[in-house]
N, C-alpha and C. Protein backbone atom coordinates (compact mmCIF):
# COMPACT_ATOMS: atom_id res chain seq x y z
N UNK A 1 7.21 2.43 -12.74
CA UNK A 1 6.38 1.81 -11.25
C UNK A 1 7.44 2.25 -10.51
N UNK A 2 8.23 1.63 -10.27
CA UNK A 2 9.79 1.17 -10.07
C UNK A 2 9.67 2.82 -8.91
N UNK A 3 10.00 3.94 -10.58
CA UNK A 3 10.73 5.22 -10.06
C UNK A 3 9.42 6.17 -9.32
N UNK A 4 8.19 5.32 -10.02
CA UNK A 4 6.55 6.49 -8.69
C UNK A 4 6.73 5.44 -7.88
N UNK A 5 6.83 4.51 -7.29
CA UNK A 5 6.62 3.03 -5.77
C UNK A 5 7.86 4.54 -5.44
N UNK A 6 9.22 5.13 -6.16
CA UNK A 6 9.39 5.61 -5.42
C UNK A 6 10.37 6.90 -4.68
N UNK A 7 9.65 7.71 -5.78
CA UNK A 7 8.98 9.35 -5.66
C UNK A 7 8.20 9.29 -5.04
N UNK A 8 7.03 8.23 -4.87
CA UNK A 8 6.04 8.45 -4.30
C UNK A 8 6.58 8.28 -2.18
N UNK A 9 7.18 7.42 -1.79
CA UNK A 9 7.56 7.21 -1.02
C UNK A 9 8.92 8.26 -0.41
N UNK A 10 9.39 8.76 -1.65
CA UNK A 10 9.93 10.21 -1.36
C UNK A 10 9.32 11.14 0.13
N UNK A 11 8.40 11.06 -1.03
CA UNK A 11 6.97 11.90 -0.49
C UNK A 11 6.89 12.00 0.69
N UNK A 12 6.02 10.75 0.99
CA UNK A 12 5.42 10.23 2.02
C UNK A 12 6.36 10.57 3.02
N UNK A 13 7.60 10.42 2.73
CA UNK A 13 8.72 9.84 3.82
C UNK A 13 9.59 12.10 5.02
N UNK A 14 9.52 12.86 3.81
CA UNK A 14 9.90 13.95 4.09
C UNK A 14 8.38 14.59 5.41
N UNK A 15 7.46 14.78 4.00
CA UNK A 15 6.30 14.60 4.82
C UNK A 15 5.84 14.20 6.53
N UNK A 16 6.63 12.98 6.33
CA UNK A 16 6.78 12.72 8.32
C UNK A 16 8.11 13.56 8.53
N UNK A 17 8.45 13.55 8.15
CA UNK A 17 10.30 14.75 8.92
C UNK A 17 10.78 13.40 8.88
N UNK A 18 10.94 12.57 8.81
CA UNK A 18 11.76 12.02 9.39
C UNK A 18 13.01 11.85 7.31
N UNK A 19 14.11 11.66 8.10
CA UNK A 19 15.63 11.11 7.29
C UNK A 19 15.26 9.43 6.20
N UNK A 20 16.35 9.08 5.87
CA UNK A 20 15.80 8.33 5.65
C UNK A 20 16.12 7.12 6.44
N UNK A 21 17.28 7.15 7.63
CA UNK A 21 18.31 7.21 8.09
C UNK A 21 17.42 6.40 9.41
N UNK A 22 15.75 7.50 9.61
CA UNK A 22 15.31 7.23 11.24
C UNK A 22 14.27 6.31 10.71
N UNK A 23 13.61 6.39 9.01
CA UNK A 23 12.67 5.76 8.95
C UNK A 23 13.42 3.91 8.74
N UNK A 24 14.65 3.67 8.86
CA UNK A 24 15.42 2.22 7.82
C UNK A 24 14.85 2.20 9.02
N UNK A 25 15.46 2.23 10.68
CA UNK A 25 15.62 2.25 11.72
C UNK A 25 14.32 2.12 11.74
N UNK A 26 13.98 2.33 11.71
CA UNK A 26 12.81 2.55 12.81
C UNK A 26 11.37 1.15 12.13
N UNK A 27 11.97 0.94 10.88
CA UNK A 27 11.14 -0.41 10.09
C UNK A 27 12.43 -1.19 10.19
N UNK A 28 13.44 -1.12 10.68
CA UNK A 28 14.24 -2.66 10.94
C UNK A 28 14.77 -2.66 9.89
N UNK A 29 15.80 -1.69 8.44
CA UNK A 29 16.29 -2.08 7.38
C UNK A 29 17.06 -1.56 7.44
N UNK A 30 17.87 -1.74 6.10
CA UNK A 30 19.33 -0.72 6.16
C UNK A 30 18.61 0.78 5.32
N UNK A 31 19.11 1.57 5.57
CA UNK A 31 18.96 3.06 6.04
C UNK A 31 19.21 3.31 3.56
N UNK A 32 20.34 2.56 3.08
CA UNK A 32 21.00 1.69 1.83
C UNK A 32 19.11 1.63 0.85
N UNK A 33 18.68 0.80 2.00
CA UNK A 33 17.58 0.09 0.53
C UNK A 33 16.43 1.11 0.87
N UNK A 34 15.87 2.48 2.16
CA UNK A 34 15.16 2.91 1.14
C UNK A 34 16.40 3.93 0.14
N UNK A 35 16.91 4.01 0.13
CA UNK A 35 17.72 5.25 -0.90
C UNK A 35 17.30 4.79 -1.54
N UNK A 36 17.83 3.52 -2.22
CA UNK A 36 17.83 2.70 -3.67
C UNK A 36 16.29 2.65 -4.07
N UNK A 37 15.83 2.32 -3.19
CA UNK A 37 13.88 2.57 -3.80
C UNK A 37 14.00 3.39 -3.96
N UNK A 38 13.85 4.95 -3.12
CA UNK A 38 12.91 5.85 -3.49
C UNK A 38 13.62 6.63 -4.96
N UNK A 39 15.32 5.77 -5.03
CA UNK A 39 15.62 6.32 -6.57
C UNK A 39 15.63 5.48 -7.30
N UNK A 40 14.78 4.41 -7.27
CA UNK A 40 13.89 3.80 -8.47
C UNK A 40 15.37 2.87 -8.52
N UNK A 41 15.96 1.88 -7.43
CA UNK A 41 17.63 1.81 -8.41
C UNK A 41 16.94 0.44 -7.96
N UNK A 42 16.26 -0.24 -6.90
CA UNK A 42 15.49 -1.56 -6.89
C UNK A 42 14.14 -1.18 -6.70
N UNK A 43 13.78 -2.31 -7.28
CA UNK A 43 12.85 -2.02 -7.01
C UNK A 43 11.32 -2.85 -6.11
N UNK A 44 10.24 -2.15 -5.64
CA UNK A 44 9.26 -1.99 -5.28
C UNK A 44 8.95 -3.60 -3.58
N UNK A 45 8.87 -3.04 -2.23
CA UNK A 45 8.67 -4.29 -1.30
C UNK A 45 8.06 -5.25 -1.55
N UNK A 46 7.82 -5.88 -0.40
CA UNK A 46 7.24 -6.94 -0.63
C UNK A 46 5.50 -6.39 -0.09
N UNK A 47 5.08 -6.38 0.36
CA UNK A 47 3.46 -5.91 0.29
C UNK A 47 3.08 -5.74 1.70
N UNK A 48 4.03 -6.55 2.19
CA UNK A 48 3.58 -6.81 4.17
C UNK A 48 4.72 -5.01 4.47
N UNK A 49 5.96 -5.13 3.29
CA UNK A 49 6.82 -4.55 3.59
C UNK A 49 6.69 -3.45 3.63
N UNK A 50 6.02 -2.75 2.74
CA UNK A 50 5.46 -0.89 2.09
C UNK A 50 4.14 -0.66 3.43
N UNK A 51 3.17 -2.03 3.52
CA UNK A 51 2.84 -1.42 4.51
C UNK A 51 2.32 -1.47 6.34
N UNK A 52 4.65 -1.51 6.00
CA UNK A 52 4.40 -1.11 7.79
C UNK A 52 5.59 0.03 7.03
N UNK A 53 6.13 0.40 6.43
CA UNK A 53 6.35 1.35 6.01
C UNK A 53 4.98 2.21 6.12
N UNK A 54 4.01 2.97 5.24
CA UNK A 54 2.78 3.92 5.71
C UNK A 54 2.30 3.54 7.05
N UNK A 55 3.11 2.25 7.82
CA UNK A 55 2.46 2.68 9.75
C UNK A 55 3.75 3.81 10.17
N UNK A 56 4.30 3.86 9.96
CA UNK A 56 5.54 3.74 10.30
C UNK A 56 5.03 5.59 10.12
N UNK A 57 4.93 5.87 8.06
CA UNK A 57 4.49 7.10 7.61
C UNK A 57 3.89 7.68 8.75
N UNK A 58 2.79 7.03 9.37
CA UNK A 58 0.69 7.69 9.90
C UNK A 58 0.41 8.02 8.54
N UNK A 59 0.97 7.18 7.58
CA UNK A 59 0.25 7.36 6.00
C UNK A 59 -0.05 5.43 5.71
N UNK A 60 -2.02 6.00 5.27
CA UNK A 60 -2.70 4.93 4.53
C UNK A 60 -1.78 4.13 3.47
N UNK A 61 -1.48 2.84 3.56
CA UNK A 61 -0.53 2.28 2.41
C UNK A 61 -1.45 1.83 1.07
N UNK A 62 -1.92 2.57 1.72
CA UNK A 62 -2.97 1.75 -0.35
C UNK A 62 -2.84 2.28 -1.20
N UNK A 63 -2.23 4.07 -1.39
CA UNK A 63 -2.02 4.42 -2.67
C UNK A 63 -0.51 3.60 -3.13
N UNK A 64 0.37 3.31 -1.92
CA UNK A 64 1.26 2.36 -2.35
C UNK A 64 1.03 1.52 -3.28
N UNK A 65 0.18 0.85 -2.83
CA UNK A 65 0.32 -0.68 -2.86
C UNK A 65 -0.46 -1.31 -4.10
N UNK A 66 -1.50 0.21 -4.65
CA UNK A 66 -1.61 0.31 -5.99
C UNK A 66 -1.02 0.53 -6.71
N UNK A 67 0.31 1.17 -6.66
CA UNK A 67 0.86 1.75 -7.67
C UNK A 67 2.49 0.65 -7.71
N UNK A 68 1.33 -0.33 -6.54
CA UNK A 68 2.74 -1.63 -6.83
C UNK A 68 2.16 -2.96 -7.43
N UNK A 69 0.76 -2.77 -7.03
CA UNK A 69 0.39 -3.53 -7.89
C UNK A 69 0.46 -4.32 -7.11
N UNK A 70 0.32 -4.74 -6.13
CA UNK A 70 0.58 -5.35 -4.75
C UNK A 70 -0.64 -5.53 -3.74
N UNK A 71 -1.01 -7.12 -2.58
CA UNK A 71 -1.49 -6.86 -2.00
C UNK A 71 -1.15 -7.31 -0.08
N UNK A 72 -1.17 -7.19 0.58
CA UNK A 72 -0.62 -8.01 1.47
C UNK A 72 -1.26 -8.90 2.26
N UNK A 73 -0.31 -9.68 2.71
CA UNK A 73 0.09 -10.93 2.65
C UNK A 73 -2.02 -11.60 3.44
N UNK A 74 -2.31 -10.89 4.05
CA UNK A 74 -3.18 -10.48 5.33
C UNK A 74 -4.32 -10.68 4.87
N UNK A 75 -4.82 -10.24 3.20
CA UNK A 75 -5.84 -10.16 2.71
C UNK A 75 -6.16 -11.25 0.93
N UNK A 76 -4.35 -11.13 0.93
CA UNK A 76 -4.46 -12.16 -0.06
C UNK A 76 -4.95 -13.40 0.37
N UNK A 77 -4.00 -13.74 1.44
CA UNK A 77 -4.97 -14.33 2.29
C UNK A 77 -6.51 -15.20 2.13
N UNK A 78 -7.23 -14.79 3.90
CA UNK A 78 -7.98 -14.15 3.25
C UNK A 78 -9.42 -14.17 2.01
N UNK A 79 -8.87 -12.64 0.14
CA UNK A 79 -9.65 -13.17 -0.42
C UNK A 79 -9.25 -14.37 -1.48
N UNK A 80 -8.39 -15.22 -1.28
CA UNK A 80 -7.57 -16.25 -1.87
C UNK A 80 -8.29 -17.92 -0.75
N UNK A 81 -8.95 -17.20 -0.08
CA UNK A 81 -9.74 -18.99 1.23
C UNK A 81 -11.55 -18.29 0.91
N UNK A 82 -11.64 -16.73 -0.06
CA UNK A 82 -13.17 -17.03 0.27
C UNK A 82 -13.65 -17.19 -1.19
N UNK A 83 -14.29 -18.48 -1.95
CA UNK A 83 -15.25 -18.81 -2.80
C UNK A 83 -16.56 -17.18 -3.27
N UNK A 84 -16.94 -16.52 -1.69
CA UNK A 84 -17.53 -15.55 -2.80
C UNK A 84 -16.40 -13.82 -2.27
N UNK A 85 -15.60 -14.27 -1.89
CA UNK A 85 -15.24 -13.31 -1.65
C UNK A 85 -13.85 -13.31 -3.68
N UNK A 86 -14.00 -13.74 -3.75
CA UNK A 86 -14.08 -14.10 -5.46
C UNK A 86 -14.67 -13.87 -6.47
N UNK A 87 -15.48 -14.67 -5.53
CA UNK A 87 -17.72 -14.04 -7.23
C UNK A 87 -17.24 -12.14 -7.19
N UNK A 88 -16.82 -11.55 -5.59
CA UNK A 88 -17.78 -10.60 -5.81
C UNK A 88 -16.17 -9.74 -6.53
N UNK A 89 -15.12 -9.87 -6.26
CA UNK A 89 -13.72 -9.64 -7.17
C UNK A 89 -14.05 -9.62 -8.63
N UNK A 90 -14.21 -10.68 -8.78
CA UNK A 90 -14.91 -10.77 -10.83
C UNK A 90 -15.82 -10.27 -10.87
N UNK A 91 -17.01 -10.47 -10.43
CA UNK A 91 -17.76 -8.54 -10.84
C UNK A 91 -17.79 -7.23 -10.72
N UNK A 92 -17.38 -7.34 -9.53
CA UNK A 92 -16.21 -5.96 -9.64
C UNK A 92 -14.90 -5.49 -10.31
N UNK A 93 -13.86 -5.83 -11.64
CA UNK A 93 -13.97 -5.76 -12.34
C UNK A 93 -13.70 -4.38 -13.27
N UNK A 94 -15.18 -4.53 -14.22
CA UNK A 94 -14.97 -3.18 -14.65
C UNK A 94 -15.03 -1.89 -14.37
N UNK A 95 -15.84 -2.09 -12.41
CA UNK A 95 -15.54 -0.52 -11.62
C UNK A 95 -14.31 -0.46 -12.32
N UNK A 96 -15.47 1.17 -12.81
CA UNK A 96 -14.23 3.10 -12.81
C UNK A 96 -13.34 2.66 -11.05
N UNK A 97 -12.70 3.60 -11.21
CA UNK A 97 -12.02 4.35 -9.44
C UNK A 97 -13.15 4.86 -8.90
N UNK A 98 -14.38 5.13 -9.53
CA UNK A 98 -15.48 6.27 -8.50
C UNK A 98 -16.18 5.17 -8.19
N UNK A 99 -16.03 4.26 -9.05
CA UNK A 99 -17.36 3.51 -8.32
C UNK A 99 -16.96 2.33 -7.59
N UNK A 100 -14.82 1.64 -7.77
CA UNK A 100 -14.60 1.74 -6.41
C UNK A 100 -14.91 2.43 -5.29
N UNK A 101 -14.19 4.38 -5.30
CA UNK A 101 -14.68 4.51 -3.76
C UNK A 101 -16.09 4.66 -3.19
N UNK A 102 -17.49 4.97 -4.22
CA UNK A 102 -18.72 3.74 -3.51
C UNK A 102 -18.46 3.13 -2.77
N UNK A 103 -18.65 2.36 -3.58
CA UNK A 103 -18.23 0.70 -2.47
C UNK A 103 -17.57 0.44 -1.69
N UNK A 104 -16.46 1.40 -1.33
CA UNK A 104 -16.11 1.81 -0.10
C UNK A 104 -16.30 2.24 1.35
N UNK A 105 -17.29 3.17 0.43
CA UNK A 105 -18.18 4.96 1.00
C UNK A 105 -19.39 3.53 1.74
N UNK A 106 -19.87 2.59 1.48
CA UNK A 106 -21.24 1.74 1.46
C UNK A 106 -21.39 0.14 2.13
N UNK A 107 -19.77 0.42 1.91
CA UNK A 107 -19.30 -0.67 2.42
C UNK A 107 -18.39 -0.53 4.49
N UNK A 108 -17.82 0.45 4.70
CA UNK A 108 -18.05 1.05 5.85
C UNK A 108 -19.02 0.95 6.00
N UNK A 109 -20.44 1.72 5.80
CA UNK A 109 -21.42 2.72 5.97
C UNK A 109 -22.46 1.00 7.10
N UNK A 110 -21.79 -0.06 5.85
CA UNK A 110 -22.34 -1.26 6.68
C UNK A 110 -21.73 -1.87 7.56
N UNK A 111 -20.50 -1.51 7.68
CA UNK A 111 -19.68 -2.05 8.64
C UNK A 111 -20.36 -1.43 9.63
N UNK A 112 -20.85 -0.18 9.95
CA UNK A 112 -21.18 0.68 10.98
C UNK A 112 -19.71 1.58 11.78
N UNK A 113 -19.31 1.75 10.20
CA UNK A 113 -17.49 2.58 10.41
C UNK A 113 -18.25 4.09 9.64
N UNK A 114 -19.37 4.23 9.36
CA UNK A 114 -18.21 5.47 8.02
C UNK A 114 -19.74 6.36 8.46
C-alpha cells in the first residue's frame, strides 16, 4: 500500500509539474518527507494531509484516500455522529465499485449538482 501510494503521489506531482521541494513548500512539509513517501520508505500521511496535497496538485483526493483506506477527519466525524449515515453504510457494504459510482452520481443529482 505504501509503495502504491508513493507511486500515485509521484505521478500526480509530476503531472502537476511540481518538484518535491515545491510541493513540500506549498504544503508546509519537509521535502525529504515527500521523497520518502514517494519511495515507499514512509507510510502515507494522515488523511487530512492527503487532502491538502491533492488540493495543491489540483486533483481529487478520492483515489489516494482509497489507496490508503483513510477518511478525512470531517467525513469521519460526520459519519460517526449520524446513525442514519452509519445505517446507510452498513447496507451499502456489498456494493461493487460500479454501484458506488452509480450511487455517487444519483446523490449528485439529488443534491442538484449533476
